[in-house]
PDB file of all heavy atoms in Angstrom:
ATOM      1  N   ALA A   1     -47.984 238.285 -29.566  1.00  0.00           N
ATOM      2  CA  ALA A   1     -47.036 239.122 -30.288  1.00  0.00           C
ATOM      3  C   ALA A   1     -46.808 238.547 -31.697  1.00  0.00           C
ATOM      4  O   ALA A   1     -46.601 237.338 -31.865  1.00  0.00           O
ATOM      5  CB  ALA A   1     -45.739 239.212 -29.531  1.00  0.00           C
ATOM      6  N   VAL A   2     -46.803 239.374 -32.683  1.00  0.00           N
ATOM      7  CA  VAL A   2     -46.662 238.971 -34.075  1.00  0.00           C
ATOM      8  C   VAL A   2     -45.187 238.966 -34.437  1.00  0.00           C
ATOM      9  O   VAL A   2     -44.625 240.051 -34.731  1.00  0.00           O
ATOM     10  CB  VAL A   2     -47.497 239.879 -35.015  1.00  0.00           C
ATOM     11  CG1 VAL A   2     -47.383 239.407 -36.451  1.00  0.00           C
ATOM     12  CG2 VAL A   2     -48.932 239.950 -34.569  1.00  0.00           C
ATOM     13  N   LYS A   3     -44.543 237.824 -34.403  1.00  0.00           N
ATOM     14  CA  LYS A   3     -43.113 237.743 -34.673  1.00  0.00           C
ATOM     15  C   LYS A   3     -42.766 238.130 -36.107  1.00  0.00           C
ATOM     16  O   LYS A   3     -41.746 238.689 -36.397  1.00  0.00           O
ATOM     17  CB  LYS A   3     -42.583 236.348 -34.397  1.00  0.00           C
ATOM     18  CG  LYS A   3     -42.939 235.673 -33.076  1.00  0.00           C
ATOM     19  CD  LYS A   3     -42.801 236.494 -31.829  1.00  0.00           C
ATOM     20  CE  LYS A   3     -43.127 235.759 -30.593  1.00  0.00           C
ATOM     21  NZ  LYS A   3     -44.504 235.375 -30.375  1.00  0.00           N
ATOM     22  N   GLY A   4     -43.702 237.851 -37.038  1.00  0.00           N
ATOM     23  CA  GLY A   4     -43.461 238.183 -38.470  1.00  0.00           C
ATOM     24  C   GLY A   4     -43.478 239.669 -38.733  1.00  0.00           C
ATOM     25  O   GLY A   4     -43.126 240.089 -39.829  1.00  0.00           O
ATOM     26  N   ALA A   5     -43.893 240.481 -37.762  1.00  0.00           N
ATOM     27  CA  ALA A   5     -43.920 241.914 -37.955  1.00  0.00           C
ATOM     28  C   ALA A   5     -42.626 242.596 -37.643  1.00  0.00           C
ATOM     29  O   ALA A   5     -42.452 243.780 -37.927  1.00  0.00           O
ATOM     30  CB  ALA A   5     -45.042 242.539 -37.089  1.00  0.00           C
ATOM     31  N   GLN A   6     -41.684 241.853 -37.064  1.00  0.00           N
ATOM     32  CA  GLN A   6     -40.374 242.434 -36.751  1.00  0.00           C
ATOM     33  C   GLN A   6     -39.612 242.731 -38.051  1.00  0.00           C
ATOM     34  O   GLN A   6     -39.764 242.041 -39.052  1.00  0.00           O
ATOM     35  CB  GLN A   6     -39.568 241.486 -35.868  1.00  0.00           C
ATOM     36  CG  GLN A   6     -40.194 241.331 -34.468  1.00  0.00           C
ATOM     37  CD  GLN A   6     -39.397 240.419 -33.589  1.00  0.00           C
ATOM     38  OE1 GLN A   6     -38.221 240.268 -33.799  1.00  0.00           O
ATOM     39  NE2 GLN A   6     -40.049 239.862 -32.603  1.00  0.00           N
ATOM     40  N   TYR A   7     -38.802 243.766 -37.968  1.00  0.00           N
ATOM     41  CA  TYR A   7     -38.104 244.244 -39.180  1.00  0.00           C
ATOM     42  C   TYR A   7     -37.281 243.171 -39.853  1.00  0.00           C
ATOM     43  O   TYR A   7     -37.198 243.117 -41.069  1.00  0.00           O
ATOM     44  CB  TYR A   7     -37.278 245.468 -38.867  1.00  0.00           C
ATOM     45  CG  TYR A   7     -35.881 245.172 -38.341  1.00  0.00           C
ATOM     46  CD1 TYR A   7     -34.772 245.189 -39.186  1.00  0.00           C
ATOM     47  CD2 TYR A   7     -35.678 244.790 -37.012  1.00  0.00           C
ATOM     48  CE1 TYR A   7     -33.510 244.898 -38.700  1.00  0.00           C
ATOM     49  CE2 TYR A   7     -34.446 244.507 -36.544  1.00  0.00           C
ATOM     50  CZ  TYR A   7     -33.352 244.552 -37.390  1.00  0.00           C
ATOM     51  OH  TYR A   7     -32.126 244.254 -36.911  1.00  0.00           O
ATOM     52  N   ASN A   8     -36.702 242.256 -39.105  1.00  0.00           N
ATOM     53  CA  ASN A   8     -35.811 241.256 -39.680  1.00  0.00           C
ATOM     54  C   ASN A   8     -36.435 239.873 -39.758  1.00  0.00           C
ATOM     55  O   ASN A   8     -35.734 238.888 -39.865  1.00  0.00           O
ATOM     56  CB  ASN A   8     -34.505 241.201 -38.928  1.00  0.00           C
ATOM     57  CG  ASN A   8     -34.697 240.901 -37.413  1.00  0.00           C
ATOM     58  OD1 ASN A   8     -35.836 240.817 -36.938  1.00  0.00           O
ATOM     59  ND2 ASN A   8     -33.626 240.749 -36.693  1.00  0.00           N
ATOM     60  N   SER A   9     -37.743 239.795 -39.727  1.00  0.00           N
ATOM     61  CA  SER A   9     -38.456 238.519 -39.783  1.00  0.00           C
ATOM     62  C   SER A   9     -38.192 237.745 -41.076  1.00  0.00           C
ATOM     63  O   SER A   9     -38.155 238.372 -42.138  1.00  0.00           O
ATOM     64  CB  SER A   9     -39.957 238.761 -39.613  1.00  0.00           C
ATOM     65  OG  SER A   9     -40.684 237.595 -39.932  1.00  0.00           O
ATOM     66  N   PRO A  10     -38.077 236.455 -41.000  1.00  0.00           N
ATOM     67  CA  PRO A  10     -37.938 235.650 -42.212  1.00  0.00           C
ATOM     68  C   PRO A  10     -39.152 235.785 -43.120  1.00  0.00           C
ATOM     69  O   PRO A  10     -39.023 235.627 -44.327  1.00  0.00           O
ATOM     70  CB  PRO A  10     -37.809 234.225 -41.689  1.00  0.00           C
ATOM     71  CG  PRO A  10     -37.286 234.339 -40.308  1.00  0.00           C
ATOM     72  CD  PRO A  10     -37.857 235.639 -39.781  1.00  0.00           C
ATOM     73  N   GLN A  11     -40.313 236.149 -42.572  1.00  0.00           N
ATOM     74  CA  GLN A  11     -41.526 236.358 -43.389  1.00  0.00           C
ATOM     75  C   GLN A  11     -41.389 237.537 -44.335  1.00  0.00           C
ATOM     76  O   GLN A  11     -42.087 237.603 -45.324  1.00  0.00           O
ATOM     77  CB  GLN A  11     -42.744 236.627 -42.478  1.00  0.00           C
ATOM     78  CG  GLN A  11     -43.358 235.449 -41.855  1.00  0.00           C
ATOM     79  CD  GLN A  11     -44.648 235.828 -41.147  1.00  0.00           C
ATOM     80  OE1 GLN A  11     -45.166 236.941 -41.294  1.00  0.00           O
ATOM     81  NE2 GLN A  11     -45.177 234.877 -40.359  1.00  0.00           N
ATOM     82  N   ARG A  12     -40.439 238.412 -44.063  1.00  0.00           N
ATOM     83  CA  ARG A  12     -40.304 239.611 -44.847  1.00  0.00           C
ATOM     84  C   ARG A  12     -39.152 239.552 -45.830  1.00  0.00           C
ATOM     85  O   ARG A  12     -38.753 240.541 -46.395  1.00  0.00           O
ATOM     86  CB  ARG A  12     -40.082 240.833 -43.901  1.00  0.00           C
ATOM     87  CG  ARG A  12     -41.236 241.052 -42.957  1.00  0.00           C
ATOM     88  CD  ARG A  12     -41.170 242.367 -42.235  1.00  0.00           C
ATOM     89  NE  ARG A  12     -41.047 243.468 -43.180  1.00  0.00           N
ATOM     90  CZ  ARG A  12     -39.915 244.142 -43.459  1.00  0.00           C
ATOM     91  NH1 ARG A  12     -38.795 243.849 -42.856  1.00  0.00           N
ATOM     92  NH2 ARG A  12     -39.937 245.089 -44.331  1.00  0.00           N
ATOM     93  N   GLN A  13     -38.603 238.383 -46.037  1.00  0.00           N
ATOM     94  CA  GLN A  13     -37.468 238.269 -46.987  1.00  0.00           C
ATOM     95  C   GLN A  13     -37.911 238.231 -48.401  1.00  0.00           C
ATOM     96  O   GLN A  13     -38.985 237.667 -48.675  1.00  0.00           O
ATOM     97  CB  GLN A  13     -36.624 237.060 -46.657  1.00  0.00           C
ATOM     98  CG  GLN A  13     -35.896 237.221 -45.351  1.00  0.00           C
ATOM     99  CD  GLN A  13     -34.995 236.044 -45.042  1.00  0.00           C
ATOM    100  OE1 GLN A  13     -35.005 235.005 -45.698  1.00  0.00           O
ATOM    101  NE2 GLN A  13     -34.140 236.197 -44.049  1.00  0.00           N
ATOM    102  N   PRO A  14     -37.199 238.813 -49.322  1.00  0.00           N
ATOM    103  CA  PRO A  14     -35.963 239.540 -49.085  1.00  0.00           C
ATOM    104  C   PRO A  14     -36.283 240.926 -48.410  1.00  0.00           C
ATOM    105  O   PRO A  14     -37.260 241.570 -48.754  1.00  0.00           O
ATOM    106  CB  PRO A  14     -35.368 239.770 -50.460  1.00  0.00           C
ATOM    107  CG  PRO A  14     -36.544 239.744 -51.398  1.00  0.00           C
ATOM    108  CD  PRO A  14     -37.567 238.820 -50.742  1.00  0.00           C
ATOM    109  N   HIS A  15     -35.440 241.272 -47.468  1.00  0.00           N
ATOM    110  CA  HIS A  15     -35.654 242.517 -46.746  1.00  0.00           C
ATOM    111  C   HIS A  15     -35.385 243.705 -47.664  1.00  0.00           C
ATOM    112  O   HIS A  15     -34.303 243.770 -48.277  1.00  0.00           O
ATOM    113  CB  HIS A  15     -34.716 242.600 -45.534  1.00  0.00           C
ATOM    114  CG  HIS A  15     -34.922 241.527 -44.548  1.00  0.00           C
ATOM    115  ND1 HIS A  15     -36.121 241.345 -43.885  1.00  0.00           N
ATOM    116  CD2 HIS A  15     -34.082 240.552 -44.093  1.00  0.00           C
ATOM    117  CE1 HIS A  15     -36.020 240.312 -43.057  1.00  0.00           C
ATOM    118  NE2 HIS A  15     -34.820 239.816 -43.184  1.00  0.00           N
ATOM    119  N   PRO A  16     -36.347 244.625 -47.747  1.00  0.00           N
ATOM    120  CA  PRO A  16     -36.072 245.830 -48.507  1.00  0.00           C
ATOM    121  C   PRO A  16     -35.042 246.688 -47.738  1.00  0.00           C
ATOM    122  O   PRO A  16     -35.203 246.876 -46.551  1.00  0.00           O
ATOM    123  CB  PRO A  16     -37.439 246.527 -48.566  1.00  0.00           C
ATOM    124  CG  PRO A  16     -38.136 246.053 -47.361  1.00  0.00           C
ATOM    125  CD  PRO A  16     -37.638 244.686 -47.087  1.00  0.00           C
ATOM    126  N   LYS A  17     -33.996 247.078 -48.391  1.00  0.00           N
ATOM    127  CA  LYS A  17     -32.938 247.794 -47.680  1.00  0.00           C
ATOM    128  C   LYS A  17     -32.378 248.822 -48.660  1.00  0.00           C
ATOM    129  O   LYS A  17     -32.307 248.568 -49.874  1.00  0.00           O
ATOM    130  CB  LYS A  17     -31.850 246.819 -47.308  1.00  0.00           C
ATOM    131  CG  LYS A  17     -30.713 247.409 -46.546  1.00  0.00           C
ATOM    132  CD  LYS A  17     -29.695 246.314 -46.147  1.00  0.00           C
ATOM    133  CE  LYS A  17     -28.568 246.954 -45.370  1.00  0.00           C
ATOM    134  NZ  LYS A  17     -27.594 245.931 -44.917  1.00  0.00           N
ATOM    135  N   CYS A  18     -32.014 249.966 -48.123  1.00  0.00           N
ATOM    136  CA  CYS A  18     -31.355 250.991 -48.978  1.00  0.00           C
ATOM    137  C   CYS A  18     -30.019 250.491 -49.423  1.00  0.00           C
ATOM    138  O   CYS A  18     -29.196 250.016 -48.617  1.00  0.00           O
ATOM    139  CB  CYS A  18     -31.194 252.291 -48.193  1.00  0.00           C
ATOM    140  SG  CYS A  18     -32.737 253.107 -47.778  1.00  0.00           S
ATOM    141  N   LEU A  19     -29.751 250.554 -50.679  1.00  0.00           N
ATOM    142  CA  LEU A  19     -28.456 250.187 -51.210  1.00  0.00           C
ATOM    143  C   LEU A  19     -27.389 251.190 -50.783  1.00  0.00           C
ATOM    144  O   LEU A  19     -27.682 252.380 -50.557  1.00  0.00           O
ATOM    145  CB  LEU A  19     -28.486 250.079 -52.747  1.00  0.00           C
ATOM    146  CG  LEU A  19     -29.471 249.053 -53.278  1.00  0.00           C
ATOM    147  CD1 LEU A  19     -29.534 249.134 -54.817  1.00  0.00           C
ATOM    148  CD2 LEU A  19     -29.102 247.621 -52.870  1.00  0.00           C
ATOM    149  N   GLU A  20     -26.173 250.705 -50.648  1.00  0.00           N
ATOM    150  CA  GLU A  20     -25.042 251.567 -50.267  1.00  0.00           C
ATOM    151  C   GLU A  20     -24.990 252.788 -51.139  1.00  0.00           C
ATOM    152  O   GLU A  20     -25.077 252.711 -52.379  1.00  0.00           O
ATOM    153  CB  GLU A  20     -23.734 250.772 -50.401  1.00  0.00           C
ATOM    154  CG  GLU A  20     -22.548 251.479 -49.827  1.00  0.00           C
ATOM    155  CD  GLU A  20     -22.554 251.532 -48.308  1.00  0.00           C
ATOM    156  OE1 GLU A  20     -23.040 250.577 -47.672  1.00  0.00           O
ATOM    157  OE2 GLU A  20     -22.063 252.497 -47.765  1.00  0.00           O
ATOM    158  N   GLY A  21     -24.950 253.968 -50.529  1.00  0.00           N
ATOM    159  CA  GLY A  21     -24.827 255.211 -51.234  1.00  0.00           C
ATOM    160  C   GLY A  21     -26.136 255.828 -51.718  1.00  0.00           C
ATOM    161  O   GLY A  21     -26.163 256.866 -52.344  1.00  0.00           O
ATOM    162  N   THR A  22     -27.267 255.130 -51.371  1.00  0.00           N
ATOM    163  CA  THR A  22     -28.584 255.687 -51.772  1.00  0.00           C
ATOM    164  C   THR A  22     -29.258 256.263 -50.561  1.00  0.00           C
ATOM    165  O   THR A  22     -28.988 255.850 -49.408  1.00  0.00           O
ATOM    166  CB  THR A  22     -29.465 254.639 -52.436  1.00  0.00           C
ATOM    167  OG1 THR A  22     -29.746 253.587 -51.485  1.00  0.00           O
ATOM    168  CG2 THR A  22     -28.814 254.034 -53.677  1.00  0.00           C
ATOM    169  N   ARG A  23     -30.133 257.201 -50.757  1.00  0.00           N
ATOM    170  CA  ARG A  23     -30.931 257.819 -49.679  1.00  0.00           C
ATOM    171  C   ARG A  23     -30.047 258.407 -48.560  1.00  0.00           C
ATOM    172  O   ARG A  23     -30.483 258.476 -47.414  1.00  0.00           O
ATOM    173  CB  ARG A  23     -31.917 256.855 -49.078  1.00  0.00           C
ATOM    174  CG  ARG A  23     -32.749 256.132 -50.105  1.00  0.00           C
ATOM    175  CD  ARG A  23     -34.164 256.631 -50.024  1.00  0.00           C
ATOM    176  NE  ARG A  23     -35.007 255.765 -50.831  1.00  0.00           N
ATOM    177  CZ  ARG A  23     -35.712 256.208 -51.843  1.00  0.00           C
ATOM    178  NH1 ARG A  23     -35.665 257.486 -52.183  1.00  0.00           N
ATOM    179  NH2 ARG A  23     -36.480 255.404 -52.527  1.00  0.00           N
ATOM    180  N   VAL A  24     -28.790 258.767 -48.882  1.00  0.00           N
ATOM    181  CA  VAL A  24     -27.873 259.218 -47.872  1.00  0.00           C
ATOM    182  C   VAL A  24     -28.367 260.451 -47.157  1.00  0.00           C
ATOM    183  O   VAL A  24     -28.294 260.485 -45.915  1.00  0.00           O
ATOM    184  CB  VAL A  24     -26.486 259.474 -48.558  1.00  0.00           C
ATOM    185  CG1 VAL A  24     -25.529 260.128 -47.580  1.00  0.00           C
ATOM    186  CG2 VAL A  24     -25.911 258.208 -49.131  1.00  0.00           C
ATOM    187  N   ASP A  25     -28.849 261.480 -47.878  1.00  0.00           N
ATOM    188  CA  ASP A  25     -29.323 262.678 -47.204  1.00  0.00           C
ATOM    189  C   ASP A  25     -30.506 262.402 -46.289  1.00  0.00           C
ATOM    190  O   ASP A  25     -30.541 262.880 -45.162  1.00  0.00           O
ATOM    191  CB  ASP A  25     -29.690 263.737 -48.254  1.00  0.00           C
ATOM    192  CG  ASP A  25     -28.475 264.301 -48.986  1.00  0.00           C
ATOM    193  OD1 ASP A  25     -27.361 264.153 -48.459  1.00  0.00           O
ATOM    194  OD2 ASP A  25     -28.667 264.862 -50.062  1.00  0.00           O
ATOM    195  N   LEU A  26     -31.440 261.629 -46.779  1.00  0.00           N
ATOM    196  CA  LEU A  26     -32.617 261.289 -45.942  1.00  0.00           C
ATOM    197  C   LEU A  26     -32.216 260.508 -44.713  1.00  0.00           C
ATOM    198  O   LEU A  26     -32.624 260.826 -43.583  1.00  0.00           O
ATOM    199  CB  LEU A  26     -33.678 260.503 -46.761  1.00  0.00           C
ATOM    200  CG  LEU A  26     -34.866 260.001 -45.988  1.00  0.00           C
ATOM    201  CD1 LEU A  26     -35.642 261.179 -45.383  1.00  0.00           C
ATOM    202  CD2 LEU A  26     -35.774 259.191 -46.917  1.00  0.00           C
ATOM    203  N   LEU A  27     -31.397 259.502 -44.876  1.00  0.00           N
ATOM    204  CA  LEU A  27     -30.952 258.675 -43.726  1.00  0.00           C
ATOM    205  C   LEU A  27     -30.145 259.531 -42.737  1.00  0.00           C
ATOM    206  O   LEU A  27     -30.377 259.401 -41.525  1.00  0.00           O
ATOM    207  CB  LEU A  27     -30.114 257.495 -44.213  1.00  0.00           C
ATOM    208  CG  LEU A  27     -30.902 256.390 -44.923  1.00  0.00           C
ATOM    209  CD1 LEU A  27     -29.962 255.390 -45.583  1.00  0.00           C
ATOM    210  CD2 LEU A  27     -31.883 255.712 -43.982  1.00  0.00           C
ATOM    211  N   ASN A  28     -29.254 260.360 -43.208  1.00  0.00           N
ATOM    212  CA  ASN A  28     -28.492 261.244 -42.290  1.00  0.00           C
ATOM    213  C   ASN A  28     -29.445 262.191 -41.552  1.00  0.00           C
ATOM    214  O   ASN A  28     -29.218 262.469 -40.380  1.00  0.00           O
ATOM    215  CB  ASN A  28     -27.422 262.024 -43.065  1.00  0.00           C
ATOM    216  CG  ASN A  28     -26.267 261.145 -43.405  1.00  0.00           C
ATOM    217  OD1 ASN A  28     -26.014 260.115 -42.791  1.00  0.00           O
ATOM    218  ND2 ASN A  28     -25.504 261.536 -44.442  1.00  0.00           N
ATOM    219  N   TYR A  29     -30.441 262.705 -42.219  1.00  0.00           N
ATOM    220  CA  TYR A  29     -31.411 263.563 -41.559  1.00  0.00           C
ATOM    221  C   TYR A  29     -32.114 262.835 -40.421  1.00  0.00           C
ATOM    222  O   TYR A  29     -32.247 263.305 -39.323  1.00  0.00           O
ATOM    223  CB  TYR A  29     -32.426 264.098 -42.622  1.00  0.00           C
ATOM    224  CG  TYR A  29     -33.561 264.860 -42.030  1.00  0.00           C
ATOM    225  CD1 TYR A  29     -33.406 266.166 -41.544  1.00  0.00           C
ATOM    226  CD2 TYR A  29     -34.837 264.292 -41.922  1.00  0.00           C
ATOM    227  CE1 TYR A  29     -34.441 266.870 -41.000  1.00  0.00           C
ATOM    228  CE2 TYR A  29     -35.906 264.978 -41.379  1.00  0.00           C
ATOM    229  CZ  TYR A  29     -35.710 266.269 -40.897  1.00  0.00           C
ATOM    230  OH  TYR A  29     -36.725 266.964 -40.354  1.00  0.00           O
ATOM    231  N   ILE A  30     -32.586 261.632 -40.732  1.00  0.00           N
ATOM    232  CA  ILE A  30     -33.249 260.808 -39.735  1.00  0.00           C
ATOM    233  C   ILE A  30     -32.318 260.461 -38.564  1.00  0.00           C
ATOM    234  O   ILE A  30     -32.694 260.608 -37.375  1.00  0.00           O
ATOM    235  CB  ILE A  30     -33.810 259.496 -40.359  1.00  0.00           C
ATOM    236  CG1 ILE A  30     -34.950 259.872 -41.316  1.00  0.00           C
ATOM    237  CG2 ILE A  30     -34.265 258.526 -39.280  1.00  0.00           C
ATOM    238  CD1 ILE A  30     -35.394 258.698 -42.181  1.00  0.00           C
ATOM    239  N   TYR A  31     -31.097 260.081 -38.866  1.00  0.00           N
ATOM    240  CA  TYR A  31     -30.139 259.749 -37.781  1.00  0.00           C
ATOM    241  C   TYR A  31     -29.796 260.941 -36.937  1.00  0.00           C
ATOM    242  O   TYR A  31     -29.625 260.846 -35.730  1.00  0.00           O
ATOM    243  CB  TYR A  31     -28.838 259.148 -38.387  1.00  0.00           C
ATOM    244  CG  TYR A  31     -29.048 257.850 -39.140  1.00  0.00           C
ATOM    245  CD1 TYR A  31     -28.241 257.529 -40.232  1.00  0.00           C
ATOM    246  CD2 TYR A  31     -30.065 256.958 -38.792  1.00  0.00           C
ATOM    247  CE1 TYR A  31     -28.415 256.352 -40.928  1.00  0.00           C
ATOM    248  CE2 TYR A  31     -30.253 255.806 -39.497  1.00  0.00           C
ATOM    249  CZ  TYR A  31     -29.452 255.466 -40.588  1.00  0.00           C
ATOM    250  OH  TYR A  31     -29.624 254.315 -41.267  1.00  0.00           O
ATOM    251  N   THR A  32     -29.712 262.120 -37.530  1.00  0.00           N
ATOM    252  CA  THR A  32     -29.468 263.350 -36.736  1.00  0.00           C
ATOM    253  C   THR A  32     -30.568 263.596 -35.790  1.00  0.00           C
ATOM    254  O   THR A  32     -30.344 263.946 -34.609  1.00  0.00           O
ATOM    255  CB  THR A  32     -29.318 264.554 -37.723  1.00  0.00           C
ATOM    256  OG1 THR A  32     -28.173 264.308 -38.584  1.00  0.00           O
ATOM    257  CG2 THR A  32     -29.079 265.854 -36.949  1.00  0.00           C
TER     258      THR A  32
END
């Protein structure tokens, strides 16, 4: 198993993340 492939792996830092208030419509669509 490739531990570095996990979303929160230290290999992937800094983690790309949506900033607060961005991509709201897209994220809400996905969550729905």
